[in-house]
Amino acid sequence: MKHTVFYLLIIAGFMIGCTKKSETATINLNKSFGNRNEIVLVIDDSLWIGKLGDSIRHKLAQPVAGSTDTEPQFDLVQIDPKIFTTRAKNARNIVLFSTNTVHEFLLQKSVNATPQNYFFLRARNTTDLLKLFNTRADSIISVFKSSELNEQMHEVVRNSTQDLHELKDYFGCTLKIPDAYHLQVKNEFPFLWYQKDLSSGSLNLVLYEFSIAEIENESGSIEQHLLQARNYIGKEFLHTAKDSGYIVTDPAKNVSITKEKLQELPVYKIIGSWETANDYLKGPFVCYAIRDDYYKRYLFIEGYINNPFKNKRDQLLEIEAIIKTINFNEH
């Protein structure tokens, strides 16, 4: 029995030692760098200007959904393997392409820096490498989008120190809203409007609710009622500086509605572009309509980007990161 205990202690010590070694290795890594939504592509110059390069640009730099401008979902930085320096190897998002004797698709985390997503695509020739990328492109995009959203959420949390008691009072929830946002409008509807001032516009975060019965009934589809609810709020509360100007969304103009989950609750995610009645402003928006049986409601949380002539992709990501921090601590 004593020998058994002794051996168990040795095994336990060995496992603890391995864990510490792994943790220490991660801690000792450099901090990764890179602008938000930036990907470093390590690929031979000759491949970058050919069919493979065309396919990479078509897949990874396609326009942002809902944006009113032609803006790529990722910024691509191409580096020839011969000049892939030590510093470049510390980038947060890397995809390495090579023709080799093996056929391989591999994702490694925190290889040279942390956090880091490092994809390796290897094939026997250029044709096989192109096929491999086209097959795996959606997986690559999904990983990078999830990672960038996660990093943005960390930034949102770091910059949020306000105790926004009105969120609990009105909607029974909490959100991490950065201190740069201020409460613009508060109404007993219930309705809350937070705004972040920019040098050339503003970011706008809006919360309101409708009963489930108002959204789910036989007078139309759920999707129709969600858009009608949003347009009602726009006309009632989201007014512009111009007299009689207010925000509207035309369902016929590039609006996408998908089903997701948030905090284990069913959600309709709506993305598209908004415009203004009796005014000339426009921009992209993202909206999460959360079906909440506890309060028998749909809770809408949405962000409007008003930033004319400027890129809006990263600002949409900031709004989505804020929404994803929601917590229903009452239930």
Protein backbone atom coordinates (compact mmCIF):
# COMPACT_ATOMS: atom_id res chain seq x y z
CA MET A 1 0.00 0.00 0.00
CA LYS A 2 2.86 2.35 0.88
CA HIS A 3 4.52 1.60 -2.46
CA THR A 4 1.24 2.40 -4.26
CA VAL A 5 0.91 5.75 -2.50
CA PHE A 6 4.56 6.50 -3.26
CA TYR A 7 4.09 5.83 -6.99
CA LEU A 8 0.91 7.91 -7.07
CA LEU A 9 2.76 10.82 -5.53
CA ILE A 10 5.50 10.52 -8.13
CA ILE A 11 2.92 10.51 -10.97
CA ALA A 12 1.07 13.48 -9.45
CA GLY A 13 4.33 15.39 -9.09
CA PHE A 14 5.24 14.63 -12.69
CA MET A 15 1.86 15.90 -13.95
CA ILE A 16 2.12 19.08 -11.89
CA GLY A 17 5.63 19.63 -13.21
CA CYS A 18 4.45 19.30 -16.82
CA THR A 19 1.62 21.76 -16.25
CA LYS A 20 3.94 24.33 -14.74
CA LYS A 21 6.39 23.93 -17.57
CA SER A 22 3.63 24.56 -20.11
CA GLU A 23 2.36 27.60 -18.20
CA THR A 24 5.85 29.00 -17.82
CA ALA A 25 6.50 28.61 -21.53
CA THR A 26 3.38 30.62 -22.36
CA ILE A 27 4.17 33.29 -19.77
CA ASN A 28 7.67 33.74 -21.20
CA LEU A 29 6.39 34.37 -24.74
CA ASN A 30 6.39 37.90 -26.14
CA LYS A 31 3.11 39.74 -26.47
CA SER A 32 1.82 39.44 -30.00
CA PHE A 33 1.25 42.55 -32.10
CA GLY A 34 -0.92 43.61 -35.01
CA ASN A 35 -3.72 46.00 -35.80
CA ARG A 36 -7.25 44.80 -35.22
CA ASN A 37 -8.41 42.48 -38.04
CA GLU A 38 -4.95 42.26 -39.59
CA ILE A 39 -3.54 39.01 -41.02
CA VAL A 40 0.09 38.34 -41.95
CA LEU A 41 0.32 36.03 -44.97
CA VAL A 42 3.66 34.29 -45.42
CA ILE A 43 3.64 33.31 -49.07
CA ASP A 44 6.14 33.41 -51.93
CA ASP A 45 5.86 36.55 -54.08
CA SER A 46 5.30 34.44 -57.21
CA LEU A 47 2.30 32.71 -55.59
CA TRP A 48 0.87 35.98 -54.26
CA ILE A 49 0.51 37.46 -57.74
CA GLY A 50 -1.02 34.27 -59.19
CA LYS A 51 -4.26 32.32 -58.81
CA LEU A 52 -3.54 31.46 -55.17
CA GLY A 53 -3.07 35.12 -54.27
CA ASP A 54 -6.28 36.02 -56.09
CA SER A 55 -8.20 33.38 -54.15
CA ILE A 56 -6.73 34.53 -50.82
CA ARG A 57 -7.72 38.14 -51.49
CA HIS A 58 -11.19 37.08 -52.66
CA LYS A 59 -11.84 35.02 -49.51
CA LEU A 60 -10.08 36.98 -46.75
CA ALA A 61 -10.59 40.53 -48.02
CA GLN A 62 -14.25 40.30 -49.01
CA PRO A 63 -16.32 43.37 -48.02
CA VAL A 64 -17.68 43.70 -44.50
CA ALA A 65 -21.32 42.62 -44.31
CA GLY A 66 -23.66 45.57 -43.82
CA SER A 67 -21.01 48.24 -44.35
CA THR A 68 -21.99 51.21 -46.49
CA ASP A 69 -18.40 51.41 -47.77
CA THR A 70 -16.27 48.87 -49.62
CA GLU A 71 -14.17 47.80 -46.65
CA PRO A 72 -12.39 44.43 -46.34
CA GLN A 73 -13.18 42.15 -43.42
CA PHE A 74 -9.40 41.71 -42.89
CA ASP A 75 -6.35 43.79 -43.78
CA LEU A 76 -3.81 41.53 -45.49
CA VAL A 77 -0.05 41.92 -45.08
CA GLN A 78 1.94 39.70 -47.47
CA ILE A 79 5.51 38.70 -46.61
CA ASP A 80 7.81 36.54 -48.71
CA PRO A 81 9.22 33.63 -46.63
CA LYS A 82 12.78 34.85 -47.33
CA ILE A 83 12.10 38.05 -45.33
CA PHE A 84 9.86 36.57 -42.65
CA THR A 85 11.74 38.17 -39.75
CA THR A 86 11.69 37.38 -36.04
CA ARG A 87 9.51 40.42 -35.39
CA ALA A 88 6.98 39.41 -38.04
CA LYS A 89 6.75 35.98 -36.41
CA ASN A 90 5.24 37.69 -33.35
CA ALA A 91 2.15 38.84 -35.27
CA ARG A 92 -1.19 37.87 -33.72
CA ASN A 93 -2.66 36.29 -36.88
CA ILE A 94 -0.43 34.40 -39.32
CA VAL A 95 -1.07 32.08 -42.25
CA LEU A 96 1.97 30.35 -43.75
CA PHE A 97 1.74 28.80 -47.22
CA SER A 98 4.36 26.39 -48.54
CA THR A 99 4.77 23.65 -51.12
CA ASN A 100 6.30 20.62 -49.49
CA THR A 101 6.30 16.83 -49.58
CA VAL A 102 3.41 16.70 -47.11
CA HIS A 103 -0.25 17.66 -47.33
CA GLU A 104 -1.08 19.49 -44.10
CA PHE A 105 -3.52 21.97 -42.57
CA LEU A 106 -2.57 22.89 -39.03
CA LEU A 107 -3.52 25.54 -36.48
CA GLN A 108 -1.14 26.21 -33.61
CA LYS A 109 -1.77 28.63 -30.77
CA SER A 110 0.86 30.96 -29.31
CA VAL A 111 3.86 29.59 -31.22
CA ASN A 112 6.13 32.65 -30.95
CA ALA A 113 3.93 35.11 -29.05
CA THR A 114 0.67 35.23 -27.15
CA PRO A 115 -2.14 35.42 -28.05
CA GLN A 116 -1.46 34.06 -31.52
CA ASN A 117 -3.22 32.03 -34.22
CA TYR A 118 -0.68 30.42 -36.55
CA PHE A 119 -2.03 28.48 -39.54
CA PHE A 120 0.23 26.21 -41.60
CA LEU A 121 -0.96 25.22 -45.09
CA ARG A 122 1.37 22.82 -46.89
CA ALA A 123 0.83 20.87 -50.10
CA ARG A 124 2.87 19.05 -52.71
CA ASN A 125 2.34 21.68 -55.41
CA THR A 126 0.63 25.01 -56.08
CA THR A 127 -2.55 23.40 -57.44
CA ASP A 128 -3.01 21.30 -54.29
CA LEU A 129 -2.20 24.32 -52.12
CA LEU A 130 -4.94 26.32 -53.83
CA LYS A 131 -7.45 23.48 -53.31
CA LEU A 132 -6.42 23.18 -49.66
CA PHE A 133 -6.92 26.89 -49.02
CA ASN A 134 -10.30 27.03 -50.76
CA THR A 135 -11.46 24.06 -48.67
CA ARG A 136 -10.25 25.54 -45.38
CA ALA A 137 -10.82 29.28 -45.92
CA ASP A 138 -14.08 29.39 -43.94
CA SER A 139 -12.41 27.71 -40.96
CA ILE A 140 -9.55 30.22 -41.08
CA ILE A 141 -11.97 33.15 -41.23
CA SER A 142 -14.03 31.77 -38.34
CA VAL A 143 -10.98 31.39 -36.08
CA PHE A 144 -9.67 34.88 -36.83
CA LYS A 145 -13.07 36.53 -36.36
CA SER A 146 -13.62 34.78 -33.03
CA SER A 147 -10.12 35.65 -31.86
CA GLU A 148 -10.38 39.32 -32.83
CA LEU A 149 -13.77 39.61 -31.11
CA ASN A 150 -12.31 38.03 -27.99
CA GLU A 151 -9.38 40.49 -27.98
CA GLN A 152 -11.79 43.39 -28.46
CA MET A 153 -13.90 42.16 -25.53
CA HIS A 154 -10.79 42.18 -23.32
CA GLU A 155 -10.17 45.79 -24.36
CA VAL A 156 -13.79 46.74 -23.67
CA VAL A 157 -13.63 45.24 -20.17
CA ARG A 158 -10.32 47.03 -19.40
CA ASN A 159 -11.84 50.38 -20.38
CA SER A 160 -15.13 49.96 -18.50
CA THR A 161 -15.22 51.24 -14.91
CA GLN A 162 -18.67 52.84 -14.80
CA ASP A 163 -21.45 51.46 -12.60
CA LEU A 164 -24.35 51.75 -15.00
CA HIS A 165 -27.18 51.17 -12.54
CA GLU A 166 -29.82 52.16 -15.11
CA LEU A 167 -29.10 48.95 -17.04
CA LYS A 168 -30.13 46.88 -14.03
CA ASP A 169 -33.11 49.12 -13.27
CA TYR A 170 -34.46 49.12 -16.83
CA PHE A 171 -33.44 45.74 -18.22
CA GLY A 172 -32.20 43.52 -15.36
CA CYS A 173 -28.78 43.10 -16.97
CA THR A 174 -25.26 44.47 -16.97
CA LEU A 175 -22.98 45.42 -19.86
CA LYS A 176 -19.36 46.46 -20.00
CA ILE A 177 -19.60 49.85 -21.68
CA PRO A 178 -16.29 51.77 -21.98
CA ASP A 179 -16.01 55.04 -20.10
CA ALA A 180 -15.80 56.98 -23.39
CA TYR A 181 -19.56 56.38 -23.82
CA HIS A 182 -22.04 58.71 -22.11
CA LEU A 183 -25.78 58.34 -21.55
CA GLN A 184 -27.46 60.38 -24.28
CA VAL A 185 -31.18 59.58 -23.78
CA LYS A 186 -33.08 57.82 -21.02
CA ASN A 187 -36.80 57.12 -21.38
CA GLU A 188 -39.29 55.07 -19.40
CA PHE A 189 -40.39 53.25 -22.59
CA PRO A 190 -37.88 51.56 -21.55
CA PHE A 191 -35.14 52.99 -23.74
CA LEU A 192 -31.46 53.83 -23.21
CA TRP A 193 -29.08 55.46 -25.68
CA TYR A 194 -25.34 55.65 -25.04
CA GLN A 195 -23.02 57.61 -27.32
CA LYS A 196 -19.26 57.81 -27.89
CA ASP A 197 -18.09 60.99 -29.58
CA LEU A 198 -15.63 60.74 -32.48
CA SER A 199 -13.76 63.50 -34.26
CA SER A 200 -15.88 62.82 -37.34
CA GLY A 201 -19.07 61.32 -35.91
CA SER A 202 -20.20 58.99 -33.16
CA LEU A 203 -20.75 55.41 -32.03
CA ASN A 204 -24.24 54.77 -30.67
CA LEU A 205 -25.39 51.93 -28.43
CA VAL A 206 -29.14 51.55 -27.94
CA LEU A 207 -31.21 49.25 -25.69
CA TYR A 208 -34.99 48.74 -25.65
CA GLU A 209 -37.51 45.90 -25.43
CA PHE A 210 -40.77 44.61 -26.87
CA SER A 211 -42.95 41.84 -25.50
CA ILE A 212 -42.68 38.41 -27.10
CA ALA A 213 -46.36 38.70 -28.06
CA GLU A 214 -45.60 41.82 -30.12
CA ILE A 215 -42.83 40.06 -32.05
CA GLU A 216 -44.34 36.58 -32.34
CA ASN A 217 -47.89 36.69 -33.67
CA GLU A 218 -49.88 35.72 -36.74
CA SER A 219 -49.91 39.18 -38.33
CA GLY A 220 -46.49 38.58 -39.89
CA SER A 221 -43.15 36.81 -39.54
CA ILE A 222 -40.79 37.28 -36.62
CA GLU A 223 -38.24 38.86 -38.98
CA GLN A 224 -40.81 41.41 -40.21
CA HIS A 225 -41.80 42.33 -36.67
CA LEU A 226 -38.17 42.70 -35.56
CA LEU A 227 -37.55 45.24 -38.34
CA GLN A 228 -40.84 47.02 -37.63
CA ALA A 229 -39.90 47.32 -33.96
CA ARG A 230 -36.51 48.81 -34.88
CA ASN A 231 -38.10 51.35 -37.21
CA TYR A 232 -40.63 52.32 -34.55
CA ILE A 233 -37.78 53.05 -32.13
CA GLY A 234 -35.90 55.00 -34.79
CA LYS A 235 -38.85 57.28 -35.47
CA GLU A 236 -39.71 57.66 -31.79
CA PHE A 237 -36.28 58.17 -30.25
CA LEU A 238 -33.35 58.19 -32.70
CA HIS A 239 -33.57 61.72 -34.02
CA THR A 240 -30.80 63.58 -35.82
CA ALA A 241 -29.73 67.19 -35.38
CA LYS A 242 -31.77 68.14 -38.42
CA ASP A 243 -35.43 68.94 -37.80
CA SER A 244 -37.69 65.92 -38.44
CA GLY A 245 -34.70 63.68 -39.19
CA TYR A 246 -34.70 60.16 -37.73
CA ILE A 247 -33.11 56.75 -38.32
CA VAL A 248 -34.81 54.15 -40.52
CA THR A 249 -33.84 50.77 -41.93
CA ASP A 250 -35.11 49.66 -45.31
CA PRO A 251 -35.52 45.84 -45.17
CA ALA A 252 -35.02 45.68 -48.93
CA LYS A 253 -31.50 47.16 -48.66
CA ASN A 254 -28.89 44.59 -47.67
CA VAL A 255 -30.29 43.44 -44.30
CA SER A 256 -29.23 40.03 -42.97
CA ILE A 257 -30.99 38.19 -40.11
CA THR A 258 -29.49 35.04 -38.59
CA LYS A 259 -30.22 32.93 -35.52
CA GLU A 260 -27.58 32.58 -32.80
CA LYS A 261 -27.18 32.01 -29.06
CA LEU A 262 -26.05 34.53 -26.45
CA GLN A 263 -25.77 33.58 -22.78
CA GLU A 264 -27.66 30.40 -23.75
CA LEU A 265 -30.60 32.51 -24.94
CA PRO A 266 -31.87 32.44 -28.55
CA VAL A 267 -30.92 35.56 -30.49
CA TYR A 268 -31.71 37.11 -33.84
CA LYS A 269 -28.62 38.89 -35.12
CA ILE A 270 -29.47 41.65 -37.59
CA ILE A 271 -26.81 43.43 -39.62
CA GLY A 272 -27.23 45.95 -42.38
CA SER A 273 -27.18 49.65 -43.14
CA TRP A 274 -29.30 52.42 -41.67
CA GLU A 275 -30.23 55.72 -43.25
CA THR A 276 -32.18 58.78 -42.17
CA ALA A 277 -35.57 60.07 -43.13
CA ASN A 278 -35.45 63.80 -43.95
CA ASP A 279 -31.64 63.83 -43.59
CA TYR A 280 -28.53 62.57 -45.38
CA LEU A 281 -26.79 60.47 -42.73
CA LYS A 282 -26.22 56.74 -43.14
CA GLY A 283 -24.00 53.93 -41.91
CA PRO A 284 -23.83 50.30 -40.78
CA PHE A 285 -25.49 48.75 -37.73
CA VAL A 286 -25.47 45.51 -35.77
CA CYS A 287 -28.42 44.44 -33.62
CA TYR A 288 -28.98 41.53 -31.25
CA ALA A 289 -32.63 40.79 -30.44
CA ILE A 290 -32.53 38.44 -27.44
CA ARG A 291 -35.56 36.28 -26.70
CA ASP A 292 -35.93 36.28 -22.92
CA ASP A 293 -38.64 34.02 -21.51
CA TYR A 294 -37.94 35.16 -17.94
CA TYR A 295 -39.21 38.67 -18.70
CA LYS A 296 -41.41 37.55 -21.63
CA ARG A 297 -39.65 39.99 -23.92
CA TYR A 298 -37.29 40.55 -26.80
CA LEU A 299 -34.39 42.68 -25.54
CA PHE A 300 -32.82 44.67 -28.37
CA ILE A 301 -29.21 45.81 -28.09
CA GLU A 302 -27.84 47.50 -31.16
CA GLY A 303 -25.11 49.78 -32.35
CA TYR A 304 -25.22 52.45 -35.05
CA ILE A 305 -22.00 53.75 -36.58
CA ASN A 306 -22.12 57.39 -37.70
CA ASN A 307 -18.65 58.09 -39.06
CA PRO A 308 -18.85 59.55 -42.59
CA PHE A 309 -15.91 58.96 -44.94
CA LYS A 310 -14.09 56.82 -42.34
CA ASN A 311 -13.62 53.07 -41.98
CA LYS A 312 -16.24 51.46 -39.75
CA ARG A 313 -15.28 47.78 -39.58
CA ASP A 314 -13.37 47.99 -36.31
CA GLN A 315 -16.05 50.18 -34.75
CA LEU A 316 -18.67 47.56 -35.56
CA LEU A 317 -16.43 45.04 -33.81
CA GLU A 318 -16.26 47.29 -30.74
CA ILE A 319 -20.06 47.51 -30.57
CA GLU A 320 -20.42 43.74 -30.95
CA ALA A 321 -17.81 43.17 -28.24
CA ILE A 322 -19.81 45.37 -25.86
CA ILE A 323 -23.01 43.45 -26.62
CA LYS A 324 -21.25 40.12 -25.99
CA THR A 325 -20.38 41.20 -22.40
CA ILE A 326 -24.06 41.12 -21.38
CA ASN A 327 -24.84 39.36 -18.13
CA PHE A 328 -28.28 38.60 -16.71
CA ASN A 329 -27.25 38.28 -13.08
CA GLU A 330 -30.81 38.31 -11.77
CA HIS A 331 -31.58 34.94 -13.34
